Amino acid sequence: MALQKLSGDCNRSDCPGIYTSGDGSVIVQGPQLTATEALTFSEGEVTVRIPAHLIEEAARALGR
């Protein structure tokens, strides 16, 4: 799967990394959040904390 970086870069201490794939999905790479008492997970699901500025940067990169 080919990914295009929208914002962040975990290889440069700017986690999480936010990417888009060829099918229009958004992919997030970052450290797994462990304090998630309010959430119930299905098998294979995890949470990642995303600072608001990275969401804004990703939205700008998508032209939104």
N, C-alpha and C. Protein backbone atom coordinates (compact mmCIF):
# COMPACT_ATOMS: atom_id res chain seq x y z
N MET A 1 0.84 -1.17 0.00
CA MET A 1 0.00 0.00 0.00
C MET A 1 0.89 1.24 0.00
N ALA A 2 0.71 2.11 -0.95
CA ALA A 2 1.48 3.36 -1.03
C ALA A 2 0.82 4.41 -0.13
N LEU A 3 1.63 5.11 0.66
CA LEU A 3 1.14 6.14 1.57
C LEU A 3 1.75 7.48 1.23
N GLN A 4 0.95 8.54 1.41
CA GLN A 4 1.45 9.91 1.23
C GLN A 4 1.36 10.62 2.58
N LYS A 5 2.49 11.18 3.06
CA LYS A 5 2.51 11.85 4.36
C LYS A 5 1.72 13.14 4.30
N LEU A 6 0.83 13.34 5.29
CA LEU A 6 0.07 14.58 5.42
C LEU A 6 0.66 15.47 6.50
N SER A 7 1.03 14.87 7.64
CA SER A 7 1.64 15.65 8.73
C SER A 7 2.29 14.71 9.72
N GLY A 8 3.14 15.28 10.57
CA GLY A 8 3.85 14.50 11.57
C GLY A 8 4.89 13.58 10.94
N ASP A 9 5.82 13.13 11.77
CA ASP A 9 6.85 12.21 11.32
C ASP A 9 7.45 11.53 12.54
N CYS A 10 7.05 10.30 12.80
CA CYS A 10 7.52 9.58 14.00
C CYS A 10 9.02 9.31 13.96
N ASN A 11 9.62 9.36 12.80
CA ASN A 11 11.06 9.18 12.70
C ASN A 11 11.81 10.43 13.10
N ARG A 12 11.09 11.54 13.30
CA ARG A 12 11.71 12.81 13.68
C ARG A 12 11.08 13.38 14.95
N SER A 13 10.58 12.51 15.82
CA SER A 13 9.99 12.90 17.10
C SER A 13 8.80 13.84 16.95
N ASP A 14 8.02 13.69 15.89
CA ASP A 14 6.81 14.50 15.67
C ASP A 14 5.63 13.56 15.47
N CYS A 15 5.44 12.66 16.45
CA CYS A 15 4.37 11.66 16.37
C CYS A 15 3.03 12.28 16.79
N PRO A 16 1.95 11.77 16.27
CA PRO A 16 1.90 10.68 15.31
C PRO A 16 2.12 11.17 13.90
N GLY A 17 2.38 10.24 13.01
CA GLY A 17 2.45 10.53 11.59
C GLY A 17 1.07 10.28 10.99
N ILE A 18 0.61 11.18 10.14
CA ILE A 18 -0.71 11.03 9.51
C ILE A 18 -0.49 10.93 8.01
N TYR A 19 -1.06 9.89 7.41
CA TYR A 19 -0.86 9.58 6.00
C TYR A 19 -2.20 9.34 5.32
N THR A 20 -2.23 9.46 4.01
CA THR A 20 -3.39 9.06 3.22
C THR A 20 -2.95 7.92 2.30
N SER A 21 -3.90 7.04 2.01
CA SER A 21 -3.61 5.92 1.12
C SER A 21 -4.31 6.15 -0.22
N GLY A 22 -4.00 5.33 -1.17
CA GLY A 22 -4.58 5.47 -2.50
C GLY A 22 -6.09 5.30 -2.54
N ASP A 23 -6.67 4.64 -1.52
CA ASP A 23 -8.12 4.43 -1.53
C ASP A 23 -8.87 5.51 -0.76
N GLY A 24 -8.16 6.57 -0.32
CA GLY A 24 -8.81 7.67 0.38
C GLY A 24 -8.86 7.51 1.90
N SER A 25 -8.31 6.44 2.43
CA SER A 25 -8.28 6.24 3.88
C SER A 25 -7.17 7.08 4.51
N VAL A 26 -7.33 7.38 5.80
CA VAL A 26 -6.30 8.07 6.56
C VAL A 26 -5.67 7.06 7.50
N ILE A 27 -4.33 7.00 7.50
CA ILE A 27 -3.57 6.07 8.31
C ILE A 27 -2.80 6.88 9.37
N VAL A 28 -2.83 6.43 10.62
CA VAL A 28 -2.14 7.12 11.71
C VAL A 28 -1.10 6.18 12.30
N GLN A 29 0.15 6.66 12.43
CA GLN A 29 1.24 5.91 13.05
C GLN A 29 1.67 6.65 14.30
N GLY A 30 1.69 5.97 15.43
CA GLY A 30 2.13 6.61 16.65
C GLY A 30 2.12 5.65 17.81
N PRO A 31 2.57 6.11 18.98
CA PRO A 31 2.58 5.24 20.15
C PRO A 31 1.16 4.93 20.61
N GLN A 32 0.94 3.69 21.00
CA GLN A 32 -0.38 3.26 21.45
C GLN A 32 -0.72 3.92 22.78
N LEU A 33 -1.91 4.47 22.88
CA LEU A 33 -2.40 5.08 24.11
C LEU A 33 -2.87 3.96 25.04
N THR A 34 -2.44 3.99 26.29
CA THR A 34 -2.78 2.90 27.20
C THR A 34 -3.85 3.27 28.23
N ALA A 35 -4.04 4.54 28.53
CA ALA A 35 -5.04 4.97 29.52
C ALA A 35 -6.34 5.28 28.80
N THR A 36 -7.13 4.24 28.53
CA THR A 36 -8.37 4.40 27.76
C THR A 36 -9.54 3.74 28.49
N GLU A 37 -9.77 4.13 29.73
CA GLU A 37 -10.81 3.51 30.55
C GLU A 37 -12.21 3.65 29.96
N ALA A 38 -12.48 4.73 29.24
CA ALA A 38 -13.82 4.99 28.74
C ALA A 38 -14.13 4.25 27.44
N LEU A 39 -13.15 3.57 26.86
CA LEU A 39 -13.35 2.92 25.56
C LEU A 39 -13.36 1.41 25.68
N THR A 40 -14.14 0.78 24.83
CA THR A 40 -14.14 -0.67 24.72
C THR A 40 -13.62 -1.02 23.34
N PHE A 41 -12.64 -1.91 23.26
CA PHE A 41 -12.00 -2.23 21.99
C PHE A 41 -12.45 -3.56 21.44
N SER A 42 -12.57 -3.62 20.14
CA SER A 42 -12.74 -4.89 19.44
C SER A 42 -11.35 -5.44 19.17
N GLU A 43 -11.26 -6.71 18.85
CA GLU A 43 -9.97 -7.33 18.58
C GLU A 43 -9.23 -6.58 17.49
N GLY A 44 -7.96 -6.28 17.73
CA GLY A 44 -7.12 -5.62 16.75
C GLY A 44 -7.18 -4.10 16.78
N GLU A 45 -8.04 -3.49 17.60
CA GLU A 45 -8.14 -2.04 17.66
C GLU A 45 -7.21 -1.46 18.71
N VAL A 46 -6.69 -0.27 18.44
CA VAL A 46 -5.88 0.49 19.40
C VAL A 46 -6.24 1.96 19.26
N THR A 47 -5.79 2.77 20.20
CA THR A 47 -5.98 4.22 20.11
C THR A 47 -4.63 4.90 20.02
N VAL A 48 -4.62 6.05 19.34
CA VAL A 48 -3.43 6.88 19.20
C VAL A 48 -3.85 8.30 19.49
N ARG A 49 -3.08 9.00 20.32
CA ARG A 49 -3.35 10.41 20.62
C ARG A 49 -2.83 11.27 19.47
N ILE A 50 -3.68 12.20 18.98
CA ILE A 50 -3.30 13.07 17.87
C ILE A 50 -3.46 14.52 18.32
N PRO A 51 -2.37 15.27 18.43
CA PRO A 51 -2.47 16.68 18.78
C PRO A 51 -3.29 17.44 17.72
N ALA A 52 -4.09 18.39 18.16
CA ALA A 52 -4.97 19.13 17.26
C ALA A 52 -4.22 19.78 16.11
N HIS A 53 -3.00 20.28 16.36
CA HIS A 53 -2.27 20.96 15.27
C HIS A 53 -1.93 19.99 14.13
N LEU A 54 -1.76 18.69 14.44
CA LEU A 54 -1.48 17.73 13.36
C LEU A 54 -2.74 17.43 12.55
N ILE A 55 -3.90 17.43 13.19
CA ILE A 55 -5.17 17.26 12.47
C ILE A 55 -5.37 18.44 11.52
N GLU A 56 -5.12 19.66 12.03
CA GLU A 56 -5.26 20.86 11.20
C GLU A 56 -4.29 20.83 10.02
N GLU A 57 -3.05 20.42 10.27
CA GLU A 57 -2.05 20.33 9.21
C GLU A 57 -2.46 19.29 8.16
N ALA A 58 -2.98 18.15 8.62
CA ALA A 58 -3.42 17.10 7.69
C ALA A 58 -4.61 17.61 6.86
N ALA A 59 -5.53 18.33 7.49
CA ALA A 59 -6.68 18.86 6.76
C ALA A 59 -6.23 19.86 5.70
N ARG A 60 -5.26 20.71 6.02
CA ARG A 60 -4.73 21.65 5.02
C ARG A 60 -4.09 20.90 3.87
N ALA A 61 -3.35 19.83 4.20
CA ALA A 61 -2.68 19.04 3.16
C ALA A 61 -3.70 18.38 2.23
N LEU A 62 -4.89 18.09 2.76
CA LEU A 62 -5.96 17.50 1.94
C LEU A 62 -6.80 18.57 1.25
N GLY A 63 -6.47 19.84 1.50
CA GLY A 63 -7.20 20.93 0.86
C GLY A 63 -8.54 21.23 1.51
N ARG A 64 -8.62 20.99 2.83
CA ARG A 64 -9.89 21.22 3.55
C ARG A 64 -9.75 22.29 4.59
